[in-house]
Amino acid sequence: MKCNFCLKEFKNKGHLFVKNDGTKVYYCSSKCMKNAKIRNPRKTKWTGWALKAKGKE
């Protein structure tokens, strides 16, 4: 599975969050879960989304 916030691959650990509309959101850690509530992953330097946006990945 991949974390929806940082795009990190993880196995057998992490958090599954199901929204009211039934979509599943996977997080690799509580750090990603907390940051997803208040931050945009494309503007957070350590995420895979930010690296893709800058063309570094």
C-alpha atoms as a PDB file:
ATOM      1  CA  MET A   1       0.000   0.000   0.000  1.00  0.00           C
ATOM      2  CA  LYS A   2       1.000   3.617  -0.432  1.00  0.00           C
ATOM      3  CA  CYS A   3       0.456   6.441   1.999  1.00  0.00           C
ATOM      4  CA  ASN A   4      -1.970   9.004   0.567  1.00  0.00           C
ATOM      5  CA  PHE A   5      -0.002  11.872   2.126  1.00  0.00           C
ATOM      6  CA  CYS A   6       3.701  11.124   1.567  1.00  0.00           C
ATOM      7  CA  LEU A   7       3.503   8.374  -1.125  1.00  0.00           C
ATOM      8  CA  LYS A   8       5.725   6.078   0.960  1.00  0.00           C
ATOM      9  CA  GLU A   9       5.294   2.321   0.497  1.00  0.00           C
ATOM     10  CA  PHE A  10       4.398   0.466   3.704  1.00  0.00           C
ATOM     11  CA  LYS A  11       3.348  -3.038   4.609  1.00  0.00           C
ATOM     12  CA  ASN A  12       1.120  -4.370   7.415  1.00  0.00           C
ATOM     13  CA  LYS A  13       1.298  -1.162   9.443  1.00  0.00           C
ATOM     14  CA  GLY A  14      -0.327   2.212   9.265  1.00  0.00           C
ATOM     15  CA  HIS A  15      -3.787   3.671   9.583  1.00  0.00           C
ATOM     16  CA  LEU A  16      -6.866   3.204   7.446  1.00  0.00           C
ATOM     17  CA  PHE A  17      -9.356   6.068   7.463  1.00  0.00           C
ATOM     18  CA  VAL A  18     -12.740   5.676   5.769  1.00  0.00           C
ATOM     19  CA  LYS A  19     -14.508   8.910   4.834  1.00  0.00           C
ATOM     20  CA  ASN A  20     -18.274   9.392   5.013  1.00  0.00           C
ATOM     21  CA  ASP A  21     -18.584   8.889   1.251  1.00  0.00           C
ATOM     22  CA  GLY A  22     -16.886   5.475   1.539  1.00  0.00           C
ATOM     23  CA  THR A  23     -13.444   6.323   0.122  1.00  0.00           C
ATOM     24  CA  LYS A  24     -10.470   4.728   1.853  1.00  0.00           C
ATOM     25  CA  VAL A  25      -7.453   6.801   2.838  1.00  0.00           C
ATOM     26  CA  TYR A  26      -4.249   5.058   3.937  1.00  0.00           C
ATOM     27  CA  TYR A  27      -1.582   6.663   6.135  1.00  0.00           C
ATOM     28  CA  CYS A  28       1.808   5.136   6.964  1.00  0.00           C
ATOM     29  CA  SER A  29       2.113   6.867  10.348  1.00  0.00           C
ATOM     30  CA  SER A  30       0.343   9.161  12.761  1.00  0.00           C
ATOM     31  CA  LYS A  31       2.676  11.923  11.547  1.00  0.00           C
ATOM     32  CA  CYS A  32       1.124  11.726   8.078  1.00  0.00           C
ATOM     33  CA  MET A  33      -2.372  11.426   9.505  1.00  0.00           C
ATOM     34  CA  LYS A  34      -1.989  14.600  11.576  1.00  0.00           C
ATOM     35  CA  ASN A  35      -0.300  16.543   8.776  1.00  0.00           C
ATOM     36  CA  ALA A  36      -3.005  15.580   6.263  1.00  0.00           C
ATOM     37  CA  LYS A  37      -5.573  17.450   8.331  1.00  0.00           C
ATOM     38  CA  ILE A  38      -3.754  20.801   8.227  1.00  0.00           C
ATOM     39  CA  ARG A  39      -1.183  20.757   5.419  1.00  0.00           C
ATOM     40  CA  ASN A  40      -1.072  20.465   1.656  1.00  0.00           C
ATOM     41  CA  PRO A  41       1.267  17.565   0.723  1.00  0.00           C
ATOM     42  CA  ARG A  42       2.499  19.435  -2.365  1.00  0.00           C
ATOM     43  CA  LYS A  43       3.842  22.237  -0.150  1.00  0.00           C
ATOM     44  CA  THR A  44       5.420  19.969   2.490  1.00  0.00           C
ATOM     45  CA  LYS A  45       9.086  19.424   1.579  1.00  0.00           C
ATOM     46  CA  TRP A  46       9.528  15.851   2.828  1.00  0.00           C
ATOM     47  CA  THR A  47       6.594  14.304   0.946  1.00  0.00           C
ATOM     48  CA  GLY A  48       6.739  12.477  -2.356  1.00  0.00           C
ATOM     49  CA  TRP A  49       4.206  14.914  -3.811  1.00  0.00           C
ATOM     50  CA  ALA A  50       6.554  17.864  -3.243  1.00  0.00           C
ATOM     51  CA  LEU A  51       9.489  16.028  -4.806  1.00  0.00           C
ATOM     52  CA  LYS A  52       7.386  15.174  -7.863  1.00  0.00           C
ATOM     53  CA  ALA A  53       6.223  18.784  -8.185  1.00  0.00           C
ATOM     54  CA  LYS A  54       9.827  20.018  -8.149  1.00  0.00           C
ATOM     55  CA  GLY A  55      10.895  17.383 -10.666  1.00  0.00           C
ATOM     56  CA  LYS A  56      13.343  15.667  -8.302  1.00  0.00           C
ATOM     57  CA  GLU A  57      11.687  12.269  -8.408  1.00  0.00           C
END
